[in-house]
Amino acid sequence: MKKLSFKIIVTVIMIIVGFIVIQWLLPNQETTESGSVTIQIYNEASELVYEGTHDFEKGMYLYDVLDASFELTCAN
C-alpha cells in the first residue's frame, strides 16, 4: 500500500511539473494590442478569391478573428 501511494504522489507531481514546463515553454499567442490583419485567399490556379481586412482587439487570438468573419468547420 505504501508503494502504491508513493507512485500516485510521484505521478501527480510529475503531471504538475510537466504542465508548468509546457506552459513556460510554449509562447503566448494572445495579442498584446489591437490592430488589423489582411487576409488573402487564393485557389489552386493562384487566382485571388478573397481579400479582406479584419480588425482585432487586445487579447484576441487569430482563431477569434477568423471565427467572427467566417464559418469555420473542421475538415475531414
PDB file of N, CA and C in Angstrom:
ATOM      1  N   MET A   1       0.822  -1.192   0.000  1.00  0.00           N
ATOM      2  CA  MET A   1       0.000   0.000   0.000  1.00  0.00           C
ATOM      3  C   MET A   1       0.868   1.260   0.000  1.00  0.00           C
ATOM      4  N   LYS A   2       1.982   1.221   0.763  1.00  0.00           N
ATOM      5  CA  LYS A   2       2.882   2.363   0.806  1.00  0.00           C
ATOM      6  C   LYS A   2       3.483   2.639  -0.567  1.00  0.00           C
ATOM      7  N   LYS A   3       3.830   1.570  -1.266  1.00  0.00           N
ATOM      8  CA  LYS A   3       4.448   1.702  -2.575  1.00  0.00           C
ATOM      9  C   LYS A   3       3.469   2.321  -3.571  1.00  0.00           C
ATOM     10  N   LEU A   4       2.217   1.933  -3.515  1.00  0.00           N
ATOM     11  CA  LEU A   4       1.198   2.469  -4.415  1.00  0.00           C
ATOM     12  C   LEU A   4       0.954   3.952  -4.138  1.00  0.00           C
ATOM     13  N   SER A   5       0.876   4.328  -2.882  1.00  0.00           N
ATOM     14  CA  SER A   5       0.681   5.738  -2.524  1.00  0.00           C
ATOM     15  C   SER A   5       1.850   6.584  -3.012  1.00  0.00           C
ATOM     16  N   PHE A   6       3.053   6.071  -2.856  1.00  0.00           N
ATOM     17  CA  PHE A   6       4.243   6.785  -3.320  1.00  0.00           C
ATOM     18  C   PHE A   6       4.201   6.984  -4.832  1.00  0.00           C
ATOM     19  N   LYS A   7       3.828   5.948  -5.565  1.00  0.00           N
ATOM     20  CA  LYS A   7       3.745   6.042  -7.026  1.00  0.00           C
ATOM     21  C   LYS A   7       2.685   7.059  -7.457  1.00  0.00           C
ATOM     22  N   ILE A   8       1.565   7.080  -6.774  1.00  0.00           N
ATOM     23  CA  ILE A   8       0.499   8.034  -7.106  1.00  0.00           C
ATOM     24  C   ILE A   8       0.971   9.465  -6.847  1.00  0.00           C
ATOM     25  N   ILE A   9       1.624   9.692  -5.720  1.00  0.00           N
ATOM     26  CA  ILE A   9       2.120  11.032  -5.391  1.00  0.00           C
ATOM     27  C   ILE A   9       3.162  11.483  -6.407  1.00  0.00           C
ATOM     28  N   VAL A  10       4.094  10.605  -6.755  1.00  0.00           N
ATOM     29  CA  VAL A  10       5.122  10.944  -7.746  1.00  0.00           C
ATOM     30  C   VAL A  10       4.482  11.235  -9.098  1.00  0.00           C
ATOM     31  N   THR A  11       3.487  10.461  -9.488  1.00  0.00           N
ATOM     32  CA  THR A  11       2.801  10.682 -10.762  1.00  0.00           C
ATOM     33  C   THR A  11       2.106  12.036 -10.787  1.00  0.00           C
ATOM     34  N   VAL A  12       1.408  12.377  -9.728  1.00  0.00           N
ATOM     35  CA  VAL A  12       0.720  13.672  -9.656  1.00  0.00           C
ATOM     36  C   VAL A  12       1.731  14.817  -9.717  1.00  0.00           C
ATOM     37  N   ILE A  13       2.832  14.692  -9.000  1.00  0.00           N
ATOM     38  CA  ILE A  13       3.870  15.728  -9.023  1.00  0.00           C
ATOM     39  C   ILE A  13       4.450  15.873 -10.426  1.00  0.00           C
ATOM     40  N   MET A  14       4.711  14.769 -11.103  1.00  0.00           N
ATOM     41  CA  MET A  14       5.271  14.822 -12.454  1.00  0.00           C
ATOM     42  C   MET A  14       4.287  15.450 -13.441  1.00  0.00           C
ATOM     43  N   ILE A  15       3.011  15.177 -13.286  1.00  0.00           N
ATOM     44  CA  ILE A  15       1.999  15.792 -14.160  1.00  0.00           C
ATOM     45  C   ILE A  15       1.977  17.299 -13.941  1.00  0.00           C
ATOM     46  N   ILE A  16       2.022  17.733 -12.697  1.00  0.00           N
ATOM     47  CA  ILE A  16       2.025  19.168 -12.392  1.00  0.00           C
ATOM     48  C   ILE A  16       3.286  19.832 -12.944  1.00  0.00           C
ATOM     49  N   VAL A  17       4.438  19.221 -12.727  1.00  0.00           N
ATOM     50  CA  VAL A  17       5.698  19.772 -13.245  1.00  0.00           C
ATOM     51  C   VAL A  17       5.669  19.816 -14.769  1.00  0.00           C
ATOM     52  N   GLY A  18       5.176  18.763 -15.398  1.00  0.00           N
ATOM     53  CA  GLY A  18       5.074  18.741 -16.859  1.00  0.00           C
ATOM     54  C   GLY A  18       4.183  19.847 -17.382  1.00  0.00           C
ATOM     55  N   PHE A  19       3.053  20.069 -16.741  1.00  0.00           N
ATOM     56  CA  PHE A  19       2.140  21.135 -17.151  1.00  0.00           C
ATOM     57  C   PHE A  19       2.809  22.504 -17.026  1.00  0.00           C
ATOM     58  N   ILE A  20       3.505  22.728 -15.932  1.00  0.00           N
ATOM     59  CA  ILE A  20       4.191  24.013 -15.726  1.00  0.00           C
ATOM     60  C   ILE A  20       5.271  24.219 -16.782  1.00  0.00           C
ATOM     61  N   VAL A  21       6.038  23.190 -17.087  1.00  0.00           N
ATOM     62  CA  VAL A  21       7.093  23.301 -18.103  1.00  0.00           C
ATOM     63  C   VAL A  21       6.500  23.590 -19.473  1.00  0.00           C
ATOM     64  N   ILE A  22       5.422  22.922 -19.837  1.00  0.00           N
ATOM     65  CA  ILE A  22       4.782  23.157 -21.135  1.00  0.00           C
ATOM     66  C   ILE A  22       4.267  24.589 -21.218  1.00  0.00           C
ATOM     67  N   GLN A  23       3.627  25.087 -20.171  1.00  0.00           N
ATOM     68  CA  GLN A  23       3.126  26.461 -20.167  1.00  0.00           C
ATOM     69  C   GLN A  23       4.266  27.468 -20.266  1.00  0.00           C
ATOM     70  N   TRP A  24       5.387  27.157 -19.684  1.00  0.00           N
ATOM     71  CA  TRP A  24       6.533  28.051 -19.697  1.00  0.00           C
ATOM     72  C   TRP A  24       7.219  28.057 -21.055  1.00  0.00           C
ATOM     73  N   LEU A  25       7.297  26.893 -21.719  1.00  0.00           N
ATOM     74  CA  LEU A  25       7.997  26.786 -22.996  1.00  0.00           C
ATOM     75  C   LEU A  25       7.181  27.285 -24.178  1.00  0.00           C
ATOM     76  N   LEU A  26       5.877  27.071 -24.162  1.00  0.00           N
ATOM     77  CA  LEU A  26       5.056  27.472 -25.298  1.00  0.00           C
ATOM     78  C   LEU A  26       4.783  28.971 -25.241  1.00  0.00           C
ATOM     79  N   PRO A  27       4.984  29.661 -26.367  1.00  0.00           N
ATOM     80  CA  PRO A  27       4.742  31.111 -26.361  1.00  0.00           C
ATOM     81  C   PRO A  27       3.255  31.427 -26.288  1.00  0.00           C
ATOM     82  N   ASN A  28       2.938  32.556 -25.696  1.00  0.00           N
ATOM     83  CA  ASN A  28       1.557  33.017 -25.612  1.00  0.00           C
ATOM     84  C   ASN A  28       1.163  33.594 -26.961  1.00  0.00           C
ATOM     85  N   GLN A  29       0.091  33.100 -27.560  1.00  0.00           N
ATOM     86  CA  GLN A  29      -0.340  33.537 -28.878  1.00  0.00           C
ATOM     87  C   GLN A  29      -1.377  34.654 -28.815  1.00  0.00           C
ATOM     88  N   GLU A  30      -1.637  35.171 -27.641  1.00  0.00           N
ATOM     89  CA  GLU A  30      -2.621  36.228 -27.467  1.00  0.00           C
ATOM     90  C   GLU A  30      -2.004  37.567 -27.865  1.00  0.00           C
ATOM     91  N   THR A  31      -2.800  38.416 -28.535  1.00  0.00           N
ATOM     92  CA  THR A  31      -2.287  39.717 -28.947  1.00  0.00           C
ATOM     93  C   THR A  31      -2.122  40.644 -27.752  1.00  0.00           C
ATOM     94  N   THR A  32      -1.166  41.546 -27.856  1.00  0.00           N
ATOM     95  CA  THR A  32      -0.915  42.490 -26.770  1.00  0.00           C
ATOM     96  C   THR A  32      -1.440  43.885 -27.089  1.00  0.00           C
ATOM     97  N   GLU A  33      -1.902  44.099 -28.307  1.00  0.00           N
ATOM     98  CA  GLU A  33      -2.501  45.378 -28.679  1.00  0.00           C
ATOM     99  C   GLU A  33      -3.494  45.158 -29.809  1.00  0.00           C
ATOM    100  N   SER A  34      -4.354  46.134 -30.044  1.00  0.00           N
ATOM    101  CA  SER A  34      -5.349  45.997 -31.108  1.00  0.00           C
ATOM    102  C   SER A  34      -4.739  46.386 -32.446  1.00  0.00           C
ATOM    103  N   GLY A  35      -5.407  45.983 -33.528  1.00  0.00           N
ATOM    104  CA  GLY A  35      -4.911  46.282 -34.865  1.00  0.00           C
ATOM    105  C   GLY A  35      -5.804  45.656 -35.910  1.00  0.00           C
ATOM    106  N   SER A  36      -5.212  45.350 -37.054  1.00  0.00           N
ATOM    107  CA  SER A  36      -5.971  44.707 -38.122  1.00  0.00           C
ATOM    108  C   SER A  36      -5.069  43.731 -38.862  1.00  0.00           C
ATOM    109  N   VAL A  37      -5.694  42.783 -39.529  1.00  0.00           N
ATOM    110  CA  VAL A  37      -4.975  41.791 -40.318  1.00  0.00           C
ATOM    111  C   VAL A  37      -5.661  41.700 -41.677  1.00  0.00           C
ATOM    112  N   THR A  38      -4.857  41.634 -42.735  1.00  0.00           N
ATOM    113  CA  THR A  38      -5.391  41.477 -44.084  1.00  0.00           C
ATOM    114  C   THR A  38      -5.266  40.016 -44.478  1.00  0.00           C
ATOM    115  N   ILE A  39      -6.366  39.432 -44.909  1.00  0.00           N
ATOM    116  CA  ILE A  39      -6.399  38.020 -45.292  1.00  0.00           C
ATOM    117  C   ILE A  39      -6.629  37.929 -46.790  1.00  0.00           C
ATOM    118  N   GLN A  40      -5.763  37.172 -47.461  1.00  0.00           N
ATOM    119  CA  GLN A  40      -5.905  36.913 -48.890  1.00  0.00           C
ATOM    120  C   GLN A  40      -5.983  35.407 -49.082  1.00  0.00           C
ATOM    121  N   ILE A  41      -6.998  34.950 -49.806  1.00  0.00           N
ATOM    122  CA  ILE A  41      -7.177  33.521 -50.063  1.00  0.00           C
ATOM    123  C   ILE A  41      -7.101  33.302 -51.569  1.00  0.00           C
ATOM    124  N   TYR A  42      -6.236  32.379 -51.974  1.00  0.00           N
ATOM    125  CA  TYR A  42      -6.045  32.056 -53.385  1.00  0.00           C
ATOM    126  C   TYR A  42      -6.494  30.624 -53.643  1.00  0.00           C
ATOM    127  N   ASN A  43      -6.974  30.357 -54.860  1.00  0.00           N
ATOM    128  CA  ASN A  43      -7.332  28.991 -55.234  1.00  0.00           C
ATOM    129  C   ASN A  43      -6.120  28.296 -55.847  1.00  0.00           C
ATOM    130  N   GLU A  44      -6.326  27.073 -56.354  1.00  0.00           N
ATOM    131  CA  GLU A  44      -5.230  26.279 -56.898  1.00  0.00           C
ATOM    132  C   GLU A  44      -4.595  26.923 -58.126  1.00  0.00           C
ATOM    133  N   ALA A  45      -5.341  27.745 -58.849  1.00  0.00           N
ATOM    134  CA  ALA A  45      -4.837  28.410 -60.053  1.00  0.00           C
ATOM    135  C   ALA A  45      -4.200  29.763 -59.719  1.00  0.00           C
ATOM    136  N   SER A  46      -3.928  30.004 -58.454  1.00  0.00           N
ATOM    137  CA  SER A  46      -3.325  31.248 -57.973  1.00  0.00           C
ATOM    138  C   SER A  46      -4.177  32.477 -58.269  1.00  0.00           C
ATOM    139  N   GLU A  47      -5.487  32.285 -58.325  1.00  0.00           N
ATOM    140  CA  GLU A  47      -6.413  33.401 -58.509  1.00  0.00           C
ATOM    141  C   GLU A  47      -6.917  33.839 -57.139  1.00  0.00           C
ATOM    142  N   LEU A  48      -6.940  35.143 -56.936  1.00  0.00           N
ATOM    143  CA  LEU A  48      -7.415  35.696 -55.674  1.00  0.00           C
ATOM    144  C   LEU A  48      -8.926  35.503 -55.578  1.00  0.00           C
ATOM    145  N   VAL A  49      -9.371  34.764 -54.554  1.00  0.00           N
ATOM    146  CA  VAL A  49     -10.807  34.526 -54.388  1.00  0.00           C
ATOM    147  C   VAL A  49     -11.384  35.317 -53.212  1.00  0.00           C
ATOM    148  N   TYR A  50     -10.517  35.787 -52.314  1.00  0.00           N
ATOM    149  CA  TYR A  50     -10.992  36.601 -51.187  1.00  0.00           C
ATOM    150  C   TYR A  50      -9.862  37.499 -50.710  1.00  0.00           C
ATOM    151  N   GLU A  51     -10.212  38.719 -50.420  1.00  0.00           N
ATOM    152  CA  GLU A  51      -9.282  39.642 -49.775  1.00  0.00           C
ATOM    153  C   GLU A  51     -10.084  40.539 -48.849  1.00  0.00           C
ATOM    154  N   GLY A  52      -9.653  40.630 -47.622  1.00  0.00           N
ATOM    155  CA  GLY A  52     -10.371  41.463 -46.665  1.00  0.00           C
ATOM    156  C   GLY A  52      -9.498  41.818 -45.478  1.00  0.00           C
ATOM    157  N   THR A  53      -9.784  42.938 -44.873  1.00  0.00           N
ATOM    158  CA  THR A  53      -9.076  43.386 -43.679  1.00  0.00           C
ATOM    159  C   THR A  53     -10.017  43.251 -42.488  1.00  0.00           C
ATOM    160  N   HIS A  54      -9.513  42.649 -41.432  1.00  0.00           N
ATOM    161  CA  HIS A  54     -10.321  42.376 -40.243  1.00  0.00           C
ATOM    162  C   HIS A  54      -9.636  42.984 -39.023  1.00  0.00           C
ATOM    163  N   ASP A  55     -10.402  43.707 -38.242  1.00  0.00           N
ATOM    164  CA  ASP A  55      -9.884  44.322 -37.019  1.00  0.00           C
ATOM    165  C   ASP A  55      -9.892  43.317 -35.878  1.00  0.00           C
ATOM    166  N   PHE A  56      -8.943  43.487 -34.962  1.00  0.00           N
ATOM    167  CA  PHE A  56      -8.922  42.668 -33.758  1.00  0.00           C
ATOM    168  C   PHE A  56      -8.587  43.549 -32.568  1.00  0.00           C
ATOM    169  N   GLU A  57      -9.003  43.093 -31.411  1.00  0.00           N
ATOM    170  CA  GLU A  57      -8.784  43.827 -30.165  1.00  0.00           C
ATOM    171  C   GLU A  57      -7.713  43.132 -29.327  1.00  0.00           C
ATOM    172  N   LYS A  58      -7.197  43.842 -28.367  1.00  0.00           N
ATOM    173  CA  LYS A  58      -6.209  43.288 -27.448  1.00  0.00           C
ATOM    174  C   LYS A  58      -6.780  42.046 -26.772  1.00  0.00           C
ATOM    175  N   GLY A  59      -5.983  40.993 -26.711  1.00  0.00           N
ATOM    176  CA  GLY A  59      -6.399  39.766 -26.046  1.00  0.00           C
ATOM    177  C   GLY A  59      -7.039  38.741 -26.966  1.00  0.00           C
ATOM    178  N   MET A  60      -7.225  39.077 -28.238  1.00  0.00           N
ATOM    179  CA  MET A  60      -7.843  38.132 -29.174  1.00  0.00           C
ATOM    180  C   MET A  60      -6.782  37.214 -29.781  1.00  0.00           C
ATOM    181  N   TYR A  61      -7.226  36.045 -30.214  1.00  0.00           N
ATOM    182  CA  TYR A  61      -6.399  35.105 -30.948  1.00  0.00           C
ATOM    183  C   TYR A  61      -6.802  35.158 -32.415  1.00  0.00           C
ATOM    184  N   LEU A  62      -5.929  34.655 -33.300  1.00  0.00           N
ATOM    185  CA  LEU A  62      -6.256  34.620 -34.723  1.00  0.00           C
ATOM    186  C   LEU A  62      -7.539  33.834 -34.952  1.00  0.00           C
ATOM    187  N   TYR A  63      -7.731  32.766 -34.200  1.00  0.00           N
ATOM    188  CA  TYR A  63      -8.959  31.980 -34.333  1.00  0.00           C
ATOM    189  C   TYR A  63     -10.188  32.849 -34.075  1.00  0.00           C
ATOM    190  N   ASP A  64     -10.127  33.718 -33.085  1.00  0.00           N
ATOM    191  CA  ASP A  64     -11.263  34.596 -32.772  1.00  0.00           C
ATOM    192  C   ASP A  64     -11.594  35.510 -33.945  1.00  0.00           C
ATOM    193  N   VAL A  65     -10.565  36.056 -34.594  1.00  0.00           N
ATOM    194  CA  VAL A  65     -10.772  36.939 -35.745  1.00  0.00           C
ATOM    195  C   VAL A  65     -11.402  36.161 -36.892  1.00  0.00           C
ATOM    196  N   LEU A  66     -10.867  34.974 -37.169  1.00  0.00           N
ATOM    197  CA  LEU A  66     -11.400  34.157 -38.262  1.00  0.00           C
ATOM    198  C   LEU A  66     -12.812  33.682 -37.962  1.00  0.00           C
ATOM    199  N   ASP A  67     -13.063  33.303 -36.724  1.00  0.00           N
ATOM    200  CA  ASP A  67     -14.387  32.803 -36.348  1.00  0.00           C
ATOM    201  C   ASP A  67     -15.449  33.895 -36.458  1.00  0.00           C
ATOM    202  N   ALA A  68     -15.080  35.138 -36.192  1.00  0.00           N
ATOM    203  CA  ALA A  68     -16.036  36.241 -36.292  1.00  0.00           C
ATOM    204  C   ALA A  68     -16.357  36.582 -37.745  1.00  0.00           C
ATOM    205  N   SER A  69     -15.437  36.271 -38.657  1.00  0.00           N
ATOM    206  CA  SER A  69     -15.601  36.666 -40.058  1.00  0.00           C
ATOM    207  C   SER A  69     -16.035  35.528 -40.974  1.00  0.00           C
ATOM    208  N   PHE A  70     -15.750  34.303 -40.594  1.00  0.00           N
ATOM    209  CA  PHE A  70     -16.017  33.150 -41.448  1.00  0.00           C
ATOM    210  C   PHE A  70     -16.746  32.070 -40.660  1.00  0.00           C
ATOM    211  N   GLU A  71     -17.363  31.153 -41.372  1.00  0.00           N
ATOM    212  CA  GLU A  71     -17.961  29.977 -40.741  1.00  0.00           C
ATOM    213  C   GLU A  71     -16.907  28.877 -40.766  1.00  0.00           C
ATOM    214  N   LEU A  72     -16.264  28.654 -39.643  1.00  0.00           N
ATOM    215  CA  LEU A  72     -15.173  27.691 -39.570  1.00  0.00           C
ATOM    216  C   LEU A  72     -15.718  26.291 -39.331  1.00  0.00           C
ATOM    217  N   THR A  73     -15.202  25.333 -40.091  1.00  0.00           N
ATOM    218  CA  THR A  73     -15.569  23.928 -39.919  1.00  0.00           C
ATOM    219  C   THR A  73     -14.308  23.090 -39.923  1.00  0.00           C
ATOM    220  N   CYS A  74     -14.392  21.925 -39.348  1.00  0.00           N
ATOM    221  CA  CYS A  74     -13.266  21.005 -39.302  1.00  0.00           C
ATOM    222  C   CYS A  74     -13.255  20.161 -40.570  1.00  0.00           C
ATOM    223  N   ALA A  75     -12.118  20.118 -41.240  1.00  0.00           N
ATOM    224  CA  ALA A  75     -12.003  19.323 -42.468  1.00  0.00           C
ATOM    225  C   ALA A  75     -11.710  17.870 -42.110  1.00  0.00           C
ATOM    226  N   ASN A  76     -12.360  16.971 -42.793  1.00  0.00           N
ATOM    227  CA  ASN A  76     -12.116  15.538 -42.571  1.00  0.00           C
ATOM    228  C   ASN A  76     -11.305  14.963 -43.695  1.00  0.00           C
TER     229      ASN A  76
END
